[in-house]
């Protein structure tokens, strides 16, 4: 599960780069919106995998909510609320990054990798 956690770390970093450009840029850029959706779907799938392997989510992270978000984005794409997706990208995922930091460090150590800089 270490590799799955490091995938999540990378996806959270990419989400942070979308957010760093600001909400106006996000609202005006369909590619950024689709990229954010894709990242959230990947995170949801990874969350299902981690939950299925008994990895407990730390406080502030909900594997279940991420999986539900993935299902909504994947199957109800015609009614995506961009305000909600922005809130997820800009607030929830930033909180995830902090909450998951100990698991990221443990995954890096397990794989014999140097710690990556956090966003």
N, C-alpha and C. Protein backbone atom coordinates (compact mmCIF):
# COMPACT_ATOMS: atom_id res chain seq x y z
N UNK A 1 0.80 -1.19 0.00
CA UNK A 1 0.00 0.00 0.00
C UNK A 1 0.85 1.27 0.00
N UNK A 2 2.15 1.09 0.18
CA UNK A 2 3.04 2.25 0.19
C UNK A 2 3.00 2.98 -1.14
N UNK A 3 3.02 2.24 -2.23
CA UNK A 3 2.99 2.89 -3.55
C UNK A 3 1.67 3.63 -3.76
N UNK A 4 0.58 3.05 -3.28
CA UNK A 4 -0.73 3.71 -3.41
C UNK A 4 -0.71 5.05 -2.65
N UNK A 5 -0.13 5.05 -1.47
CA UNK A 5 -0.04 6.29 -0.70
C UNK A 5 0.81 7.34 -1.41
N UNK A 6 1.87 6.90 -2.05
CA UNK A 6 2.71 7.87 -2.76
C UNK A 6 2.03 8.39 -4.02
N UNK A 7 1.18 7.57 -4.62
CA UNK A 7 0.35 8.08 -5.72
C UNK A 7 -0.55 9.19 -5.20
N UNK A 8 -1.17 8.95 -4.07
CA UNK A 8 -2.05 9.96 -3.47
C UNK A 8 -1.26 11.24 -3.20
N UNK A 9 -0.07 11.10 -2.66
CA UNK A 9 0.75 12.29 -2.38
C UNK A 9 0.99 13.09 -3.66
N UNK A 10 1.31 12.41 -4.74
CA UNK A 10 1.55 13.09 -6.02
C UNK A 10 0.28 13.77 -6.52
N UNK A 11 -0.86 13.08 -6.44
CA UNK A 11 -2.12 13.65 -6.92
C UNK A 11 -2.52 14.86 -6.08
N UNK A 12 -2.27 14.81 -4.80
CA UNK A 12 -2.56 15.97 -3.95
C UNK A 12 -1.68 17.15 -4.32
N UNK A 13 -0.43 16.86 -4.68
CA UNK A 13 0.46 17.92 -5.13
C UNK A 13 -0.05 18.55 -6.43
N UNK A 14 -0.52 17.73 -7.34
CA UNK A 14 -1.08 18.26 -8.59
C UNK A 14 -2.34 19.09 -8.33
N UNK A 15 -3.17 18.62 -7.42
CA UNK A 15 -4.38 19.38 -7.06
C UNK A 15 -3.98 20.74 -6.47
N UNK A 16 -2.95 20.74 -5.63
CA UNK A 16 -2.48 22.00 -5.05
C UNK A 16 -1.98 22.96 -6.13
N UNK A 17 -1.40 22.43 -7.20
CA UNK A 17 -0.92 23.30 -8.27
C UNK A 17 -2.08 23.94 -9.02
N UNK A 18 -3.20 23.22 -9.13
CA UNK A 18 -4.41 23.80 -9.74
C UNK A 18 -4.92 24.93 -8.84
N UNK A 19 -4.98 24.67 -7.56
CA UNK A 19 -5.50 25.64 -6.60
C UNK A 19 -4.59 26.87 -6.54
N UNK A 20 -3.29 26.68 -6.65
CA UNK A 20 -2.35 27.79 -6.56
C UNK A 20 -2.58 28.84 -7.65
N UNK A 21 -3.16 28.42 -8.75
CA UNK A 21 -3.46 29.37 -9.83
C UNK A 21 -4.64 30.26 -9.49
N UNK A 22 -5.45 29.87 -8.52
CA UNK A 22 -6.58 30.67 -8.07
C UNK A 22 -7.90 30.24 -8.66
N UNK A 23 -8.96 30.65 -7.98
CA UNK A 23 -10.31 30.25 -8.38
C UNK A 23 -10.72 30.84 -9.72
N UNK A 24 -10.37 32.09 -9.98
CA UNK A 24 -10.73 32.69 -11.26
C UNK A 24 -10.11 31.92 -12.42
N UNK A 25 -8.87 31.52 -12.27
CA UNK A 25 -8.20 30.74 -13.31
C UNK A 25 -8.89 29.38 -13.47
N UNK A 26 -9.24 28.76 -12.36
CA UNK A 26 -9.94 27.47 -12.39
C UNK A 26 -11.29 27.61 -13.10
N UNK A 27 -12.05 28.63 -12.72
CA UNK A 27 -13.37 28.84 -13.33
C UNK A 27 -13.29 29.07 -14.83
N UNK A 28 -12.21 29.69 -15.28
CA UNK A 28 -12.06 30.04 -16.70
C UNK A 28 -11.41 28.94 -17.53
N UNK A 29 -10.91 27.91 -16.89
CA UNK A 29 -10.10 26.91 -17.58
C UNK A 29 -10.74 25.52 -17.50
N UNK A 30 -11.38 25.13 -18.60
CA UNK A 30 -12.05 23.83 -18.63
C UNK A 30 -11.05 22.68 -18.45
N UNK A 31 -9.84 22.86 -18.94
CA UNK A 31 -8.83 21.81 -18.78
C UNK A 31 -8.48 21.64 -17.30
N UNK A 32 -8.33 22.73 -16.57
CA UNK A 32 -8.06 22.64 -15.13
C UNK A 32 -9.22 21.97 -14.40
N UNK A 33 -10.44 22.29 -14.80
CA UNK A 33 -11.61 21.66 -14.19
C UNK A 33 -11.61 20.16 -14.42
N UNK A 34 -11.35 19.76 -15.66
CA UNK A 34 -11.32 18.33 -15.98
C UNK A 34 -10.16 17.64 -15.27
N UNK A 35 -9.02 18.32 -15.18
CA UNK A 35 -7.87 17.76 -14.46
C UNK A 35 -8.21 17.55 -12.99
N UNK A 36 -8.87 18.54 -12.39
CA UNK A 36 -9.28 18.40 -11.00
C UNK A 36 -10.22 17.23 -10.81
N UNK A 37 -11.17 17.08 -11.73
CA UNK A 37 -12.10 15.94 -11.66
C UNK A 37 -11.33 14.62 -11.73
N UNK A 38 -10.40 14.55 -12.66
CA UNK A 38 -9.62 13.33 -12.84
C UNK A 38 -8.83 13.00 -11.57
N UNK A 39 -8.21 14.00 -10.98
CA UNK A 39 -7.46 13.77 -9.74
C UNK A 39 -8.37 13.28 -8.63
N UNK A 40 -9.55 13.88 -8.52
CA UNK A 40 -10.47 13.45 -7.46
C UNK A 40 -10.98 12.03 -7.71
N UNK A 41 -11.17 11.66 -8.97
CA UNK A 41 -11.58 10.28 -9.26
C UNK A 41 -10.47 9.30 -8.91
N UNK A 42 -9.22 9.65 -9.22
CA UNK A 42 -8.09 8.79 -8.86
C UNK A 42 -7.98 8.66 -7.35
N UNK A 43 -8.15 9.77 -6.65
CA UNK A 43 -8.09 9.74 -5.18
C UNK A 43 -9.18 8.85 -4.61
N UNK A 44 -10.37 8.94 -5.18
CA UNK A 44 -11.48 8.10 -4.71
C UNK A 44 -11.22 6.62 -4.93
N UNK A 45 -10.65 6.30 -6.07
CA UNK A 45 -10.33 4.89 -6.35
C UNK A 45 -9.24 4.40 -5.40
N UNK A 46 -8.23 5.23 -5.19
CA UNK A 46 -7.16 4.85 -4.25
C UNK A 46 -7.71 4.71 -2.83
N UNK A 47 -8.63 5.58 -2.46
CA UNK A 47 -9.24 5.49 -1.13
C UNK A 47 -9.97 4.16 -0.96
N UNK A 48 -10.68 3.74 -1.98
CA UNK A 48 -11.37 2.43 -1.91
C UNK A 48 -10.36 1.30 -1.73
N UNK A 49 -9.25 1.39 -2.45
CA UNK A 49 -8.22 0.36 -2.35
C UNK A 49 -7.63 0.32 -0.95
N UNK A 50 -7.28 1.49 -0.42
CA UNK A 50 -6.70 1.54 0.92
C UNK A 50 -7.67 1.04 1.97
N UNK A 51 -8.91 1.47 1.88
CA UNK A 51 -9.93 1.00 2.84
C UNK A 51 -10.10 -0.51 2.75
N UNK A 52 -10.09 -1.02 1.53
CA UNK A 52 -10.24 -2.47 1.33
C UNK A 52 -9.08 -3.27 1.89
N UNK A 53 -7.93 -2.64 2.05
CA UNK A 53 -6.77 -3.30 2.64
C UNK A 53 -6.60 -2.96 4.11
N UNK A 54 -7.60 -2.33 4.69
CA UNK A 54 -7.59 -2.07 6.12
C UNK A 54 -6.75 -0.90 6.57
N UNK A 55 -6.34 -0.03 5.65
CA UNK A 55 -5.58 1.15 6.04
C UNK A 55 -6.57 2.16 6.63
N UNK A 56 -6.35 2.51 7.87
CA UNK A 56 -7.25 3.45 8.54
C UNK A 56 -6.95 4.87 8.11
N UNK A 57 -8.00 5.58 7.78
CA UNK A 57 -7.85 6.99 7.41
C UNK A 57 -7.59 7.81 8.66
N UNK A 58 -6.63 8.73 8.59
CA UNK A 58 -6.40 9.60 9.75
C UNK A 58 -7.53 10.61 9.91
N UNK A 59 -7.56 11.24 11.04
CA UNK A 59 -8.56 12.28 11.31
C UNK A 59 -8.52 13.33 10.19
N UNK A 60 -9.70 13.69 9.70
CA UNK A 60 -9.79 14.68 8.65
C UNK A 60 -9.82 14.09 7.25
N UNK A 61 -9.67 12.79 7.15
CA UNK A 61 -9.70 12.09 5.86
C UNK A 61 -10.79 11.05 5.92
N UNK A 62 -11.61 11.01 4.89
CA UNK A 62 -12.66 9.99 4.81
C UNK A 62 -12.52 9.22 3.51
N UNK A 63 -12.09 7.96 3.63
CA UNK A 63 -11.99 7.13 2.43
C UNK A 63 -13.37 7.00 1.80
N UNK A 64 -14.39 6.84 2.62
CA UNK A 64 -15.75 6.67 2.12
C UNK A 64 -16.23 7.87 1.32
N UNK A 65 -16.01 9.07 1.84
CA UNK A 65 -16.44 10.27 1.12
C UNK A 65 -15.69 10.43 -0.20
N UNK A 66 -14.41 10.09 -0.21
CA UNK A 66 -13.63 10.17 -1.45
C UNK A 66 -14.17 9.19 -2.48
N UNK A 67 -14.52 7.99 -2.03
CA UNK A 67 -15.07 6.99 -2.95
C UNK A 67 -16.43 7.44 -3.49
N UNK A 68 -17.25 8.03 -2.62
CA UNK A 68 -18.56 8.54 -3.07
C UNK A 68 -18.38 9.67 -4.07
N UNK A 69 -17.41 10.54 -3.81
CA UNK A 69 -17.12 11.64 -4.72
C UNK A 69 -16.69 11.11 -6.08
N UNK A 70 -15.87 10.07 -6.07
CA UNK A 70 -15.42 9.45 -7.31
C UNK A 70 -16.61 8.94 -8.11
N UNK A 71 -17.52 8.25 -7.44
CA UNK A 71 -18.70 7.72 -8.13
C UNK A 71 -19.55 8.83 -8.74
N UNK A 72 -19.72 9.90 -7.99
CA UNK A 72 -20.51 11.02 -8.49
C UNK A 72 -19.86 11.65 -9.72
N UNK A 73 -18.55 11.89 -9.65
CA UNK A 73 -17.85 12.50 -10.78
C UNK A 73 -17.85 11.58 -12.00
N UNK A 74 -17.69 10.29 -11.77
CA UNK A 74 -17.59 9.35 -12.88
C UNK A 74 -18.94 9.08 -13.53
N UNK A 75 -20.01 9.08 -12.75
CA UNK A 75 -21.30 8.64 -13.28
C UNK A 75 -22.34 9.74 -13.42
N UNK A 76 -22.08 10.88 -12.83
CA UNK A 76 -23.03 12.00 -12.92
C UNK A 76 -22.31 13.25 -13.41
N UNK A 77 -21.42 13.05 -14.36
CA UNK A 77 -20.57 14.13 -14.87
C UNK A 77 -21.35 15.27 -15.50
N UNK A 78 -22.59 15.04 -15.90
CA UNK A 78 -23.36 16.11 -16.55
C UNK A 78 -23.91 17.13 -15.55
N UNK A 79 -23.81 16.83 -14.27
CA UNK A 79 -24.36 17.74 -13.26
C UNK A 79 -23.30 18.12 -12.20
N UNK A 80 -22.07 18.22 -12.62
CA UNK A 80 -20.99 18.58 -11.69
C UNK A 80 -21.13 20.03 -11.28
N UNK A 81 -21.09 20.27 -9.99
CA UNK A 81 -21.17 21.61 -9.43
C UNK A 81 -19.74 22.10 -9.21
N UNK A 82 -19.29 23.04 -10.02
CA UNK A 82 -17.91 23.52 -9.97
C UNK A 82 -17.58 24.22 -8.65
N UNK A 83 -18.58 24.78 -7.98
CA UNK A 83 -18.31 25.37 -6.66
C UNK A 83 -17.91 24.28 -5.66
N UNK A 84 -18.60 23.16 -5.74
CA UNK A 84 -18.30 22.04 -4.84
C UNK A 84 -16.93 21.45 -5.18
N UNK A 85 -16.65 21.27 -6.47
CA UNK A 85 -15.35 20.70 -6.82
C UNK A 85 -14.21 21.64 -6.41
N UNK A 86 -14.43 22.94 -6.55
CA UNK A 86 -13.40 23.90 -6.12
C UNK A 86 -13.18 23.79 -4.61
N UNK A 87 -14.25 23.70 -3.85
CA UNK A 87 -14.12 23.57 -2.39
C UNK A 87 -13.36 22.31 -2.02
N UNK A 88 -13.65 21.23 -2.74
CA UNK A 88 -12.94 19.97 -2.47
C UNK A 88 -11.45 20.13 -2.77
N UNK A 89 -11.15 20.69 -3.94
CA UNK A 89 -9.74 20.88 -4.32
C UNK A 89 -9.02 21.82 -3.37
N UNK A 90 -9.65 22.94 -3.06
CA UNK A 90 -8.96 24.00 -2.33
C UNK A 90 -8.95 23.82 -0.81
N UNK A 91 -9.92 23.11 -0.28
CA UNK A 91 -9.97 22.97 1.18
C UNK A 91 -9.77 21.52 1.62
N UNK A 92 -10.65 20.64 1.18
CA UNK A 92 -10.60 19.25 1.66
C UNK A 92 -9.27 18.58 1.33
N UNK A 93 -8.82 18.73 0.09
CA UNK A 93 -7.60 18.03 -0.30
C UNK A 93 -6.36 18.64 0.34
N UNK A 94 -6.38 19.93 0.60
CA UNK A 94 -5.26 20.54 1.34
C UNK A 94 -5.19 19.95 2.75
N UNK A 95 -6.34 19.74 3.36
CA UNK A 95 -6.40 19.13 4.69
C UNK A 95 -5.92 17.68 4.63
N UNK A 96 -6.29 16.99 3.56
CA UNK A 96 -5.83 15.61 3.39
C UNK A 96 -4.31 15.57 3.38
N UNK A 97 -3.70 16.47 2.64
CA UNK A 97 -2.25 16.46 2.51
C UNK A 97 -1.59 16.52 3.88
N UNK A 98 -2.08 17.38 4.74
CA UNK A 98 -1.52 17.49 6.09
C UNK A 98 -1.81 16.24 6.92
N UNK A 99 -3.04 15.77 6.86
CA UNK A 99 -3.43 14.62 7.68
C UNK A 99 -2.70 13.35 7.27
N UNK A 100 -2.41 13.21 5.99
CA UNK A 100 -1.77 11.99 5.49
C UNK A 100 -0.25 12.03 5.55
N UNK A 101 0.32 13.16 5.93
CA UNK A 101 1.77 13.31 5.94
C UNK A 101 2.49 12.17 6.68
N UNK A 102 2.04 11.76 7.88
CA UNK A 102 2.73 10.64 8.54
C UNK A 102 2.69 9.34 7.73
N UNK A 103 1.58 9.08 7.05
CA UNK A 103 1.50 7.88 6.23
C UNK A 103 2.41 8.00 5.00
N UNK A 104 2.52 9.20 4.45
CA UNK A 104 3.42 9.41 3.32
C UNK A 104 4.87 9.13 3.73
N UNK A 105 5.26 9.66 4.89
CA UNK A 105 6.63 9.43 5.38
C UNK A 105 6.90 7.94 5.62
N UNK A 106 5.92 7.26 6.19
CA UNK A 106 6.08 5.82 6.44
C UNK A 106 6.18 5.06 5.11
N UNK A 107 5.40 5.46 4.12
CA UNK A 107 5.46 4.81 2.81
C UNK A 107 6.82 5.03 2.16
N UNK A 108 7.33 6.25 2.25
CA UNK A 108 8.65 6.55 1.69
C UNK A 108 9.73 5.71 2.37
N UNK A 109 9.64 5.62 3.69
CA UNK A 109 10.62 4.83 4.44
C UNK A 109 10.52 3.35 4.06
N UNK A 110 9.30 2.85 3.94
CA UNK A 110 9.10 1.45 3.57
C UNK A 110 9.74 1.12 2.23
N UNK A 111 9.67 2.07 1.31
CA UNK A 111 10.22 1.87 -0.03
C UNK A 111 11.67 2.34 -0.16
N UNK A 112 12.25 2.82 0.96
CA UNK A 112 13.63 3.27 0.95
C UNK A 112 13.85 4.54 0.15
N UNK A 113 12.84 5.41 0.16
CA UNK A 113 12.91 6.67 -0.60
C UNK A 113 13.20 7.83 0.34
N UNK A 114 13.82 8.84 -0.20
CA UNK A 114 14.02 10.08 0.54
C UNK A 114 12.68 10.79 0.65
N UNK A 115 12.41 11.44 1.79
CA UNK A 115 11.15 12.19 1.93
C UNK A 115 11.04 13.29 0.87
N UNK A 116 9.82 13.45 0.33
CA UNK A 116 9.55 14.49 -0.64
C UNK A 116 9.13 15.76 0.10
N UNK A 117 9.39 16.89 -0.52
CA UNK A 117 8.92 18.16 0.03
C UNK A 117 7.40 18.19 -0.03
N UNK A 118 6.76 18.61 1.03
CA UNK A 118 5.31 18.76 1.04
C UNK A 118 4.93 20.05 0.36
N UNK A 119 3.74 20.05 -0.24
CA UNK A 119 3.23 21.29 -0.88
C UNK A 119 2.68 22.20 0.18
